């Protein structure tokens, strides 16, 4: 019985423990199901948000087929004011309103266009309709509107039409200094002139990082004197009309610092409305155009001969017979047919004499001198619009002879003025600048290109050429009290591959006061006609009077005081017979 009892107890114990094991199994199975449900819920959420994120990325990468982008929420980056040397504003930013549409919100495009046309009659109908029907989120309709136009359109109450405040460039002087200042595009970025130069000096980088703020931008001061600039442009425009020319230009240059005080080229443009800026006849002829400068180049030929030390002011040159080289014959325009002294070669503008001056130096020496004077290399200055001069690839004897009197090479008028300044200031070549520069700063970049003695001799020849009664061609540039000296240049233009005696490019380069020069003035006039009632159309009849007008009207602004002692000493003695 004992064994039977033990066996029964064992069976009872096993029967009691069995439900506990079953309970643990059931709990384990139930926990696994709960965990699986949580994992499935997480997976569902991840999948749903992954799909949403993927669609957002997809839509974000889609290109707007209409080509328009919506406003960024900030106005366009500012530009610094541009001032003249006296603080007068030449260019500044103003706030303007630009009209845009949200095509998705436009209820009736036809009605919207009809209403907008009552305020903006010049609105392009087809283009505007296409934009309003595009279904995009944003489209520009009109940039740079007036406050009156904005007010009138707002009063129309068109759904889906709005305005964005932008920065627009304004030039108070209009076309007065257009070729110097340049202009900006619709996004207020500089595209020409000093506006482009400012961008290239770091403004574009500031814009890119969002630091181009009007409160942090210092004004940019130029070397230009607005008063003188106004005079120069007025003289240029008037001369072009008076002499029925296709173009004209002028520059005023400080010979000790290289500062450009004024420069104008006509035809010009209004940077506030530059609809004609790309017309080929509106280029800046003073720095971006190259020309055969005619007899103004004889200034450098004479200076070259003097600086060589092989001749002096007492030297003579045989101008009795023309020079024949190959198939070309070199003659004088108004030949004296005799032996000429060096001053006579200069004041009578003898082609033969100039050719013989160049022969004294030789071909290689001639070419080296013109490069030394900066006439055959691309000029270095802030203005982006600068042309590269042209010269023969290989210089031969004929090239040296013709270049000696201004044919066969082409340079810019501004470079010619810079070279002439070196002949007047003691022989130092100073690259021009449109920014303020002191004499000390200029001396650091100046290059001695001719001796002081050569410069002194050239000042004498310039004055001699402009004195009344000397027989020189520059007498019409004289202004009482200011002692002007200079050199004319009448270049025949090439028409159909041949030089034409009836079509000219005229120039006059002058310095004043010639006994102690401060400024160089150079004028050009392209294809002038004879003034009404007169027969002459050479530089002495048009380019020289332009110089006189500029000096007469602007000398006081430049700080040059008139001195009439020379006129008083040469005036006849007045006798009073009433005593």
Protein backbone atom coordinates (compact mmCIF):
# COMPACT_ATOMS: atom_id res chain seq x y z
CA UNK A 1 0.00 0.00 0.00
CA UNK A 2 2.83 2.19 0.62
CA UNK A 3 4.02 1.94 -2.96
CA UNK A 4 0.50 2.46 -4.23
CA UNK A 5 0.06 5.51 -2.02
CA UNK A 6 3.31 7.02 -3.17
CA UNK A 7 2.39 6.49 -6.78
CA UNK A 8 -1.01 8.13 -6.22
CA UNK A 9 0.58 11.16 -4.50
CA UNK A 10 3.03 11.54 -7.34
CA UNK A 11 0.20 11.52 -9.82
CA UNK A 12 -1.70 14.13 -7.78
CA UNK A 13 1.34 16.38 -7.65
CA UNK A 14 1.84 16.17 -11.40
CA UNK A 15 -1.86 16.94 -11.88
CA UNK A 16 -1.63 20.06 -9.66
CA UNK A 17 1.48 21.47 -11.49
CA UNK A 18 0.13 21.07 -15.04
CA UNK A 19 -2.18 24.15 -15.07
CA UNK A 20 0.81 26.44 -14.09
CA UNK A 21 2.85 25.34 -17.08
CA UNK A 22 -0.12 25.88 -19.39
CA UNK A 23 -0.66 29.38 -17.97
CA UNK A 24 2.97 30.39 -18.70
CA UNK A 25 2.65 29.21 -22.29
CA UNK A 26 -0.52 31.19 -22.80
CA UNK A 27 1.11 34.35 -21.35
CA UNK A 28 4.11 33.98 -23.62
CA UNK A 29 1.92 33.60 -26.68
CA UNK A 30 -0.19 36.65 -25.75
CA UNK A 31 2.98 38.87 -25.27
CA UNK A 32 4.30 38.01 -28.71
CA UNK A 33 1.05 39.11 -30.32
CA UNK A 34 1.12 42.52 -28.57
CA UNK A 35 4.72 43.12 -29.59
CA UNK A 36 3.91 42.30 -33.18
CA UNK A 37 1.02 44.75 -33.18
CA UNK A 38 3.30 47.57 -31.94
CA UNK A 39 5.93 46.80 -34.59
CA UNK A 40 3.24 46.75 -37.28
CA UNK A 41 1.86 50.12 -36.11
CA UNK A 42 5.33 51.68 -36.17
CA UNK A 43 5.96 50.26 -39.64
CA UNK A 44 2.66 51.72 -40.86
CA UNK A 45 3.52 55.17 -39.50
CA UNK A 46 7.03 55.05 -41.02
CA UNK A 47 5.62 53.96 -44.34
CA UNK A 48 2.95 56.67 -44.40
CA UNK A 49 5.37 59.48 -43.50
CA UNK A 50 7.97 58.08 -45.91
CA UNK A 51 5.45 58.31 -48.72
CA UNK A 52 4.56 61.88 -47.74
CA UNK A 53 8.22 62.88 -47.55
CA UNK A 54 8.96 61.24 -50.86
CA UNK A 55 6.13 63.12 -52.55
CA UNK A 56 7.36 66.40 -51.08
CA UNK A 57 10.85 65.76 -52.42
CA UNK A 58 9.39 64.80 -55.78
CA UNK A 59 7.31 67.97 -56.06
CA UNK A 60 10.22 70.07 -54.85
CA UNK A 61 12.43 68.75 -57.64
CA UNK A 62 9.90 69.46 -60.36
CA UNK A 63 10.82 72.41 -62.66
CA UNK A 64 8.43 75.29 -63.09
CA UNK A 65 7.68 75.06 -66.81
CA UNK A 66 6.60 78.70 -66.93
CA UNK A 67 10.07 79.93 -65.93
CA UNK A 68 8.93 82.07 -62.99
CA UNK A 69 9.80 81.88 -59.33
CA UNK A 70 7.87 83.38 -56.48
CA UNK A 71 9.06 86.14 -54.17
CA UNK A 72 11.63 85.19 -51.61
CA UNK A 73 10.00 87.30 -48.94
CA UNK A 74 12.78 89.90 -48.94
CA UNK A 75 13.45 92.92 -51.09
CA UNK A 76 16.32 92.86 -53.57
CA UNK A 77 19.78 93.52 -52.16
CA UNK A 78 20.82 97.15 -51.88
CA UNK A 79 23.57 98.95 -53.79
CA UNK A 80 25.75 101.70 -52.36
CA UNK A 81 25.12 105.27 -53.45
CA UNK A 82 27.57 106.66 -56.01
CA UNK A 83 28.76 110.20 -55.32
CA UNK A 84 30.86 112.70 -57.24
CA UNK A 85 34.04 114.10 -55.69
CA UNK A 86 32.02 116.82 -53.91
CA UNK A 87 29.40 114.48 -52.45
CA UNK A 88 26.69 115.05 -55.06
CA UNK A 89 24.56 111.95 -55.64
CA UNK A 90 25.10 110.33 -59.04
CA UNK A 91 23.23 107.07 -58.40
CA UNK A 92 21.05 105.81 -55.55
CA UNK A 93 18.51 103.11 -54.68
CA UNK A 94 14.81 103.86 -54.47
CA UNK A 95 11.93 101.58 -53.51
CA UNK A 96 9.55 100.59 -56.28
CA UNK A 97 6.55 98.28 -56.54
CA UNK A 98 6.51 95.29 -58.87
CA UNK A 99 3.25 93.62 -59.91
CA UNK A 100 2.86 89.86 -59.69
CA UNK A 101 0.03 87.32 -60.01
CA UNK A 102 -0.80 84.00 -58.39
CA UNK A 103 -2.38 82.26 -61.40
CA UNK A 104 -3.95 79.52 -59.27
CA UNK A 105 -6.02 82.16 -57.53
CA UNK A 106 -7.06 84.01 -60.69
CA UNK A 107 -10.80 83.43 -61.17
CA UNK A 108 -11.20 84.99 -64.62
CA UNK A 109 -7.94 85.72 -66.57
CA UNK A 110 -9.83 87.63 -69.30
CA UNK A 111 -11.41 89.97 -66.79
CA UNK A 112 -8.10 90.41 -64.95
CA UNK A 113 -6.28 91.43 -68.14
CA UNK A 114 -9.07 93.78 -69.15
CA UNK A 115 -8.91 95.56 -65.80
CA UNK A 116 -5.10 95.71 -65.73
CA UNK A 117 -5.07 97.22 -69.24
CA UNK A 118 -6.98 100.26 -67.98
CA UNK A 119 -3.92 101.16 -65.87
CA UNK A 120 -1.18 99.52 -67.97
CA UNK A 121 -2.16 100.01 -71.63
CA UNK A 122 1.27 98.83 -72.82
CA UNK A 123 0.92 95.43 -71.13
CA UNK A 124 1.71 92.58 -73.51
CA UNK A 125 -1.70 90.87 -73.86
CA UNK A 126 -0.57 87.47 -75.15
CA UNK A 127 2.31 87.11 -72.71
CA UNK A 128 0.23 88.22 -69.73
CA UNK A 129 -2.67 85.94 -70.66
CA UNK A 130 -0.29 82.98 -70.96
CA UNK A 131 1.10 83.68 -67.50
CA UNK A 132 -2.32 84.05 -65.90
CA UNK A 133 -3.51 80.78 -67.46
CA UNK A 134 -0.36 78.85 -66.48
CA UNK A 135 -1.79 77.59 -63.20
CA UNK A 136 1.48 78.18 -61.39
CA UNK A 137 1.86 79.70 -57.97
CA UNK A 138 3.63 82.88 -59.05
CA UNK A 139 4.29 84.98 -62.17
CA UNK A 140 5.76 88.46 -62.67
CA UNK A 141 3.54 90.84 -64.63
CA UNK A 142 5.30 94.24 -64.41
CA UNK A 143 8.50 95.33 -62.68
CA UNK A 144 9.30 98.81 -61.44
CA UNK A 145 5.92 100.53 -61.30
CA UNK A 146 5.09 104.04 -60.14
CA UNK A 147 3.20 104.67 -56.87
CA UNK A 148 0.27 106.00 -58.90
CA UNK A 149 0.04 102.81 -60.96
CA UNK A 150 0.21 100.71 -57.81
CA UNK A 151 -2.60 102.70 -56.21
CA UNK A 152 -4.82 102.44 -59.29
CA UNK A 153 -4.34 98.66 -59.60
CA UNK A 154 -5.01 98.09 -55.91
CA UNK A 155 -8.28 99.98 -56.32
CA UNK A 156 -9.33 97.45 -58.98
CA UNK A 157 -9.49 94.70 -56.34
CA UNK A 158 -8.45 91.81 -58.61
CA UNK A 159 -8.11 88.51 -56.69
CA UNK A 160 -4.71 86.83 -57.09
CA UNK A 161 -2.89 90.10 -57.92
CA UNK A 162 -0.28 91.53 -55.56
CA UNK A 163 2.77 93.78 -55.24
CA UNK A 164 6.29 93.24 -54.05
CA UNK A 165 8.55 96.08 -52.87
CA UNK A 166 11.89 96.05 -54.69
CA UNK A 167 15.01 98.20 -54.96
CA UNK A 168 15.46 100.12 -58.19
CA UNK A 169 18.43 102.23 -59.31
CA UNK A 170 17.84 105.92 -59.92
CA UNK A 171 20.22 108.34 -61.62
CA UNK A 172 19.33 111.98 -60.75
CA UNK A 173 21.43 113.35 -63.62
CA UNK A 174 19.89 111.13 -66.28
CA UNK A 175 22.33 110.83 -69.21
CA UNK A 176 24.83 113.37 -67.81
CA UNK A 177 27.40 110.72 -66.80
CA UNK A 178 25.81 107.62 -68.33
CA UNK A 179 28.93 106.10 -69.89
CA UNK A 180 30.87 106.46 -66.64
CA UNK A 181 28.18 105.21 -64.26
CA UNK A 182 26.91 102.46 -66.53
CA UNK A 183 23.67 100.77 -65.48
CA UNK A 184 22.07 97.83 -63.68
CA UNK A 185 19.68 95.10 -64.79
CA UNK A 186 16.14 94.43 -63.57
CA UNK A 187 17.57 92.61 -60.53
CA UNK A 188 19.67 95.64 -59.51
CA UNK A 189 22.96 94.02 -60.56
CA UNK A 190 25.63 96.12 -62.30
CA UNK A 191 26.07 95.32 -65.98
CA UNK A 192 28.25 98.19 -67.25
CA UNK A 193 30.41 101.12 -66.20
CA UNK A 194 31.28 101.81 -62.58
CA UNK A 195 28.15 99.93 -61.51
CA UNK A 196 29.70 96.74 -62.86
CA UNK A 197 33.07 97.62 -61.31
CA UNK A 198 31.43 97.97 -57.88
CA UNK A 199 29.89 94.49 -58.19
CA UNK A 200 33.25 93.02 -59.17
CA UNK A 201 34.91 94.56 -56.10
CA UNK A 202 32.87 92.44 -53.70
CA UNK A 203 29.27 93.64 -53.81
CA UNK A 204 28.19 90.46 -55.63
CA UNK A 205 29.72 88.35 -52.84
CA UNK A 206 27.92 90.38 -50.19
CA UNK A 207 24.66 89.90 -52.05
CA UNK A 208 25.20 86.14 -52.22
CA UNK A 209 25.53 85.85 -48.43
CA UNK A 210 22.74 88.34 -47.72
CA UNK A 211 24.94 91.13 -46.34
CA UNK A 212 24.20 93.77 -48.99
CA UNK A 213 22.12 95.99 -46.74
CA UNK A 214 21.71 99.72 -47.33
CA UNK A 215 22.62 100.44 -43.70
CA UNK A 216 25.99 98.69 -43.99
CA UNK A 217 27.12 99.89 -47.44
CA UNK A 218 29.36 102.93 -47.59
CA UNK A 219 28.82 105.30 -50.56
CA UNK A 220 31.30 105.03 -53.42
CA UNK A 221 32.91 108.38 -54.26
CA UNK A 222 34.19 108.96 -57.79
CA UNK A 223 36.79 111.40 -59.10
CA UNK A 224 34.12 112.98 -61.30
CA UNK A 225 33.11 116.59 -60.70
CA UNK A 226 29.41 116.77 -61.59
CA UNK A 227 29.64 120.46 -62.49
CA UNK A 228 32.44 119.86 -64.98
CA UNK A 229 30.73 116.71 -66.23
CA UNK A 230 27.61 118.71 -67.05
CA UNK A 231 29.68 121.26 -68.99
CA UNK A 232 31.57 118.61 -70.93
CA UNK A 233 28.45 116.70 -71.94
CA UNK A 234 26.68 119.90 -72.97
CA UNK A 235 29.62 120.95 -75.16
CA UNK A 236 29.83 117.49 -76.73
CA UNK A 237 26.11 117.26 -77.55
CA UNK A 238 26.00 120.83 -78.86
CA UNK A 239 29.06 120.28 -81.08
CA UNK A 240 27.61 117.10 -82.55
CA UNK A 241 24.52 119.03 -83.59
CA UNK A 242 26.37 122.17 -84.64
CA UNK A 243 28.83 120.36 -86.91
CA UNK A 244 26.30 117.68 -88.00
CA UNK A 245 28.65 114.92 -86.86
CA UNK A 246 27.81 111.28 -86.20
CA UNK A 247 29.49 111.37 -82.77
CA UNK A 248 31.58 113.49 -80.42
CA UNK A 249 33.35 113.15 -77.09
CA UNK A 250 35.64 114.80 -74.56
CA UNK A 251 37.60 114.14 -71.37
CA UNK A 252 39.13 116.34 -68.65
CA UNK A 253 42.09 114.76 -66.84
CA UNK A 254 44.18 115.87 -63.86
CA UNK A 255 47.76 115.46 -65.12
CA UNK A 256 49.29 115.05 -61.64
CA UNK A 257 46.94 112.36 -60.27
CA UNK A 258 45.45 110.74 -63.37
CA UNK A 259 41.94 111.45 -62.05
CA UNK A 260 39.21 111.74 -64.68
CA UNK A 261 37.23 114.85 -63.74
CA UNK A 262 34.74 114.49 -66.57
CA UNK A 263 34.20 112.34 -69.65
CA UNK A 264 31.35 112.26 -72.13
CA UNK A 265 30.57 110.51 -75.39
CA UNK A 266 27.59 111.27 -77.62
CA UNK A 267 25.24 109.76 -78.61
CA UNK A 268 24.67 108.53 -75.07
CA UNK A 269 21.71 107.06 -73.17
CA UNK A 270 19.57 107.61 -70.10
CA UNK A 271 20.34 104.88 -67.54
CA UNK A 272 16.87 105.44 -66.05
CA UNK A 273 15.40 104.27 -69.37
CA UNK A 274 18.17 102.49 -71.30
CA UNK A 275 16.08 101.32 -74.24
CA UNK A 276 18.81 102.26 -76.75
CA UNK A 277 21.89 101.30 -74.74
CA UNK A 278 22.82 98.41 -77.04
CA UNK A 279 22.71 100.48 -80.23
CA UNK A 280 26.17 100.34 -81.80
CA UNK A 281 26.45 104.13 -82.09
CA UNK A 282 25.90 104.55 -78.33
CA UNK A 283 29.20 103.02 -77.24
CA UNK A 284 31.63 104.95 -75.07
CA UNK A 285 33.96 106.25 -77.77
CA UNK A 286 36.43 107.70 -75.29
CA UNK A 287 37.57 104.38 -73.82
CA UNK A 288 35.81 101.63 -75.79
CA UNK A 289 36.49 102.94 -79.30
CA UNK A 290 39.82 102.91 -81.13
CA UNK A 291 40.69 105.48 -83.80
CA UNK A 292 43.57 106.76 -85.86
CA UNK A 293 44.15 109.93 -83.87
CA UNK A 294 45.71 111.90 -86.71
CA UNK A 295 48.17 114.66 -85.98
CA UNK A 296 47.69 114.51 -82.21
CA UNK A 297 50.11 111.56 -82.47
CA UNK A 298 52.75 114.00 -83.75
CA UNK A 299 53.01 115.14 -80.12
CA UNK A 300 54.53 111.76 -79.29
CA UNK A 301 56.66 111.62 -82.45
CA UNK A 302 58.24 114.98 -81.59
CA UNK A 303 58.66 114.04 -77.92
CA UNK A 304 60.29 110.76 -78.98
CA UNK A 305 62.82 112.55 -81.18
CA UNK A 306 63.63 115.08 -78.47
CA UNK A 307 63.91 112.44 -75.77
CA UNK A 308 66.32 110.39 -77.89
CA UNK A 309 68.89 113.15 -77.47
CA UNK A 310 69.69 113.04 -81.19
CA UNK A 311 67.82 116.26 -81.97
CA UNK A 312 66.74 119.41 -80.14
CA UNK A 313 64.52 122.43 -80.74
CA UNK A 314 67.18 123.96 -83.00
CA UNK A 315 67.34 120.92 -85.30
CA UNK A 316 66.05 121.19 -88.87
CA UNK A 317 64.32 118.79 -91.27
CA UNK A 318 64.16 118.94 -95.04
CA UNK A 319 60.50 119.14 -96.10
CA UNK A 320 61.10 120.40 -99.66
CA UNK A 321 60.09 117.16 -101.36
CA UNK A 322 57.50 114.44 -100.64
CA UNK A 323 58.66 111.05 -99.35
CA UNK A 324 58.01 108.08 -101.62
CA UNK A 325 58.16 104.59 -100.15
CA UNK A 326 56.89 101.70 -102.21
CA UNK A 327 53.65 102.82 -103.80
CA UNK A 328 52.97 105.46 -101.15
CA UNK A 329 53.87 109.13 -101.34
CA UNK A 330 53.90 111.20 -98.15
CA UNK A 331 53.00 114.88 -98.63
CA UNK A 332 52.21 117.82 -96.37
CA UNK A 333 48.63 119.11 -96.21
CA UNK A 334 49.77 122.74 -96.45
CA UNK A 335 53.39 122.24 -97.46
CA UNK A 336 55.97 125.00 -97.00
CA UNK A 337 58.33 123.26 -99.44
CA UNK A 338 61.42 124.24 -97.50
CA UNK A 339 63.67 123.21 -94.64
CA UNK A 340 61.76 123.42 -91.35
CA UNK A 341 62.97 123.83 -87.80
CA UNK A 342 61.57 121.39 -85.25
CA UNK A 343 59.05 123.96 -83.89
CA UNK A 344 57.93 124.62 -87.47
CA UNK A 345 57.47 120.91 -88.11
CA UNK A 346 55.15 120.90 -85.09
CA UNK A 347 53.10 124.04 -85.65
CA UNK A 348 52.74 123.47 -89.41
CA UNK A 349 51.94 119.81 -88.70
CA UNK A 350 54.35 118.58 -91.37
CA UNK A 351 53.90 114.92 -92.27
CA UNK A 352 57.28 114.90 -93.99
CA UNK A 353 59.02 116.43 -90.98
CA UNK A 354 57.31 113.98 -88.58
CA UNK A 355 58.37 111.03 -90.74
CA UNK A 356 61.97 112.23 -90.59
CA UNK A 357 61.75 112.67 -86.82
CA UNK A 358 60.72 109.01 -86.54
CA UNK A 359 63.56 108.02 -88.85
CA UNK A 360 66.02 109.52 -86.39
CA UNK A 361 64.92 107.00 -83.74
CA UNK A 362 64.41 103.97 -85.98
CA UNK A 363 61.63 101.40 -86.32
CA UNK A 364 62.22 99.43 -83.12
CA UNK A 365 62.82 102.55 -81.09
CA UNK A 366 59.61 104.08 -82.45
CA UNK A 367 57.52 101.06 -81.51
CA UNK A 368 59.11 100.79 -78.07
CA UNK A 369 58.40 104.45 -77.34
CA UNK A 370 54.69 104.20 -78.17
CA UNK A 371 54.38 101.13 -75.95
CA UNK A 372 56.24 103.02 -73.22
CA UNK A 373 53.68 105.83 -73.52
CA UNK A 374 50.85 103.33 -73.09
CA UNK A 375 49.35 103.99 -76.52
CA UNK A 376 49.58 100.43 -77.86
CA UNK A 377 48.63 98.41 -74.76
CA UNK A 378 45.23 97.89 -73.22
CA UNK A 379 44.63 100.64 -70.70
CA UNK A 380 44.36 99.72 -67.01
CA UNK A 381 41.51 101.52 -65.23
CA UNK A 382 38.33 100.78 -63.28
CA UNK A 383 35.95 101.24 -66.20
CA UNK A 384 35.22 97.81 -67.74
CA UNK A 385 34.61 99.17 -71.24
CA UNK A 386 38.19 99.54 -72.50
CA UNK A 387 39.28 98.67 -76.04
CA UNK A 388 42.61 97.19 -77.04
CA UNK A 389 44.68 99.40 -79.41
CA UNK A 390 45.68 98.13 -82.84
CA UNK A 391 49.11 98.19 -84.46
CA UNK A 392 50.83 96.31 -87.30
CA UNK A 393 51.93 92.79 -86.36
CA UNK A 394 55.27 93.43 -88.00
CA UNK A 395 56.56 96.99 -88.25
CA UNK A 396 58.24 97.98 -91.47
CA UNK A 397 59.64 101.29 -92.63
CA UNK A 398 56.34 102.35 -94.17
CA UNK A 399 54.53 101.67 -90.88
CA UNK A 400 56.92 103.80 -88.87
CA UNK A 401 56.59 106.66 -91.37
CA UNK A 402 52.77 106.68 -91.45
CA UNK A 403 52.36 106.12 -87.70
CA UNK A 404 54.64 109.12 -87.15
CA UNK A 405 51.82 111.40 -88.36
CA UNK A 406 48.88 109.39 -86.97
CA UNK A 407 47.94 106.83 -89.62
CA UNK A 408 48.42 103.07 -89.38
CA UNK A 409 47.74 102.60 -85.64
CA UNK A 410 44.58 103.02 -83.60
CA UNK A 411 44.24 103.81 -79.92
CA UNK A 412 41.54 105.18 -77.64
CA UNK A 413 41.05 108.93 -77.12
CA UNK A 414 41.40 108.47 -73.34
CA UNK A 415 44.81 106.82 -73.79
CA UNK A 416 45.88 109.69 -76.01
CA UNK A 417 44.91 112.14 -73.25
CA UNK A 418 46.81 110.08 -70.65
CA UNK A 419 49.91 110.04 -72.86
CA UNK A 420 49.67 113.79 -73.44
CA UNK A 421 49.41 114.32 -69.67
CA UNK A 422 52.77 112.57 -69.29
CA UNK A 423 54.30 114.99 -71.79
CA UNK A 424 52.98 117.91 -69.73
CA UNK A 425 53.62 116.83 -66.10
CA UNK A 426 57.37 116.29 -66.20
CA UNK A 427 57.36 112.98 -68.03
CA UNK A 428 55.38 110.69 -65.68
CA UNK A 429 52.84 108.27 -67.13
CA UNK A 430 49.93 107.77 -64.69
CA UNK A 431 47.16 105.34 -65.56
CA UNK A 432 43.75 107.04 -65.38
CA UNK A 433 41.34 106.50 -62.52
CA UNK A 434 37.67 107.22 -61.93
CA UNK A 435 38.21 107.12 -58.16
CA UNK A 436 39.78 109.85 -56.00
CA UNK A 437 43.58 109.69 -55.90
CA UNK A 438 46.07 111.95 -54.15
CA UNK A 439 49.35 113.13 -55.65
CA UNK A 440 51.25 110.88 -53.22
CA UNK A 441 49.18 107.87 -54.28
CA UNK A 442 49.74 108.76 -57.92
CA UNK A 443 53.50 109.03 -57.47
CA UNK A 444 53.58 105.40 -56.32
CA UNK A 445 52.09 104.15 -59.60
CA UNK A 446 53.69 106.70 -61.93
CA UNK A 447 56.34 105.68 -64.48
CA UNK A 448 58.95 108.09 -65.79
CA UNK A 449 58.62 107.78 -69.58
CA UNK A 450 60.38 110.93 -70.83
CA UNK A 451 62.79 113.38 -69.26
CA UNK A 452 61.71 116.61 -67.57
CA UNK A 453 63.59 118.52 -70.29
CA UNK A 454 61.51 116.82 -72.99
CA UNK A 455 58.34 117.69 -71.06
CA UNK A 456 59.46 121.32 -70.81
CA UNK A 457 60.11 121.47 -74.56
CA UNK A 458 56.70 119.95 -75.32
CA UNK A 459 54.96 122.55 -73.15
CA UNK A 460 56.72 125.22 -75.17
CA UNK A 461 55.63 123.67 -78.48
CA UNK A 462 52.03 123.27 -77.29
CA UNK A 463 51.84 126.93 -76.33
CA UNK A 464 53.54 128.05 -79.54
CA UNK A 465 51.02 126.07 -81.61
CA UNK A 466 48.09 127.84 -79.95
CA UNK A 467 49.38 131.39 -79.94
CA UNK A 468 47.55 133.81 -82.17
CA UNK A 469 49.72 134.78 -85.13
CA UNK A 470 52.12 131.85 -84.79
CA UNK A 471 50.60 130.07 -87.76
CA UNK A 472 49.69 127.11 -85.57
CA UNK A 473 46.40 125.27 -85.81
CA UNK A 474 45.37 125.61 -82.18
CA UNK A 475 44.60 129.32 -81.91
CA UNK A 476 40.81 128.68 -81.75
CA UNK A 477 41.34 126.83 -78.47
CA UNK A 478 42.63 129.97 -76.75
CA UNK A 479 40.76 131.26 -73.71
CA UNK A 480 41.78 134.62 -72.27
CA UNK A 481 43.37 134.28 -68.87
CA UNK A 482 44.00 130.55 -69.04
CA UNK A 483 46.98 130.20 -71.44
CA UNK A 484 45.96 127.11 -73.39
CA UNK A 485 48.37 125.03 -75.46
CA UNK A 486 47.66 122.00 -77.61
CA UNK A 487 47.75 120.05 -80.86
CA UNK A 488 45.12 119.40 -83.50
CA UNK A 489 44.53 116.11 -85.24
CA UNK A 490 42.61 115.70 -88.50
CA UNK A 491 42.59 112.06 -89.58
CA UNK A 492 41.15 110.88 -92.86
CA UNK A 493 38.84 107.91 -92.30
CA UNK A 494 39.10 104.68 -94.24
CA UNK A 495 36.10 104.23 -96.54
CA UNK A 496 35.89 101.05 -98.62
CA UNK A 497 39.54 100.28 -97.92
CA UNK A 498 40.87 103.71 -98.91
CA UNK A 499 41.50 106.96 -97.05
CA UNK A 500 38.84 109.55 -97.87
CA UNK A 501 39.75 113.23 -97.89
CA UNK A 502 36.10 114.18 -97.31
CA UNK A 503 35.36 112.03 -94.23
CA UNK A 504 37.36 112.91 -91.13
CA UNK A 505 37.88 112.03 -87.50
CA UNK A 506 39.05 115.20 -85.72
CA UNK A 507 40.65 115.69 -82.33
CA UNK A 508 42.33 118.34 -80.24
CA UNK A 509 44.45 117.68 -77.16
CA UNK A 510 45.24 120.64 -74.91
CA UNK A 511 46.76 121.48 -71.54
CA UNK A 512 46.19 124.51 -69.31
CA UNK A 513 47.55 126.71 -67.83
CA UNK A 514 50.38 125.79 -70.19
CA UNK A 515 53.18 127.46 -68.19
CA UNK A 516 52.30 125.24 -65.22
CA UNK A 517 49.75 122.68 -66.48
CA UNK A 518 47.11 121.21 -64.19
CA UNK A 519 44.67 119.61 -66.63
CA UNK A 520 44.55 117.99 -70.04
CA UNK A 521 41.41 118.37 -72.15
CA UNK A 522 40.90 116.20 -75.23
CA UNK A 523 37.97 116.49 -77.63
CA UNK A 524 36.95 114.34 -80.60
CA UNK A 525 34.35 114.79 -83.31
CA UNK A 526 33.52 112.09 -85.85
CA UNK A 527 32.68 113.00 -89.47
CA UNK A 528 31.96 116.71 -88.85
CA UNK A 529 30.64 118.98 -91.58
CA UNK A 530 31.64 122.60 -92.08
CA UNK A 531 29.84 125.03 -89.81
CA UNK A 532 27.06 127.01 -91.48
CA UNK A 533 28.60 129.87 -93.45
CA UNK A 534 32.16 128.50 -93.19
CA UNK A 535 34.21 126.26 -95.43
CA UNK A 536 36.62 124.51 -93.04
CA UNK A 537 35.86 121.22 -91.30
CA UNK A 538 39.32 120.34 -89.98
CA UNK A 539 40.06 119.98 -86.25
CA UNK A 540 41.04 123.64 -85.87
CA UNK A 541 37.49 124.64 -86.83
CA UNK A 542 35.56 122.27 -84.54
CA UNK A 543 37.59 120.18 -82.06
CA UNK A 544 39.66 123.20 -80.93
CA UNK A 545 36.63 125.45 -80.21
CA UNK A 546 35.13 122.58 -78.19
CA UNK A 547 38.22 122.68 -75.94
CA UNK A 548 37.87 126.45 -75.57
CA UNK A 549 34.22 126.12 -74.52
CA UNK A 550 35.02 123.47 -71.93
CA UNK A 551 37.89 125.47 -70.39
CA UNK A 552 35.98 128.76 -70.42
CA UNK A 553 32.99 127.25 -68.60
CA UNK A 554 34.69 124.83 -66.19
CA UNK A 555 38.08 126.34 -65.24
CA UNK A 556 36.64 128.06 -62.16
CA UNK A 557 35.10 124.76 -60.97
CA UNK A 558 38.53 123.16 -61.35
CA UNK A 559 40.10 125.81 -59.15
CA UNK A 560 42.16 127.46 -61.90
CA UNK A 561 42.23 131.21 -61.43
CA UNK A 562 42.46 133.37 -64.57
CA UNK A 563 45.63 135.39 -65.13
CA UNK A 564 45.33 138.27 -67.59
CA UNK A 565 48.88 139.63 -67.25
CA UNK A 566 49.95 138.10 -70.54
CA UNK A 567 47.08 139.76 -72.42
CA UNK A 568 47.73 143.09 -70.69
CA UNK A 569 51.45 143.02 -71.55
CA UNK A 570 50.71 142.34 -75.21
CA UNK A 571 47.85 144.87 -75.46
CA UNK A 572 48.56 148.13 -77.32
CA UNK A 573 49.15 151.26 -75.23
CA UNK A 574 45.98 153.37 -74.96
CA UNK A 575 46.61 157.13 -75.26
CA UNK A 576 44.15 159.67 -73.83
CA UNK A 577 43.94 162.61 -76.25
CA UNK A 578 41.49 164.56 -74.07
CA UNK A 579 44.26 165.77 -71.80
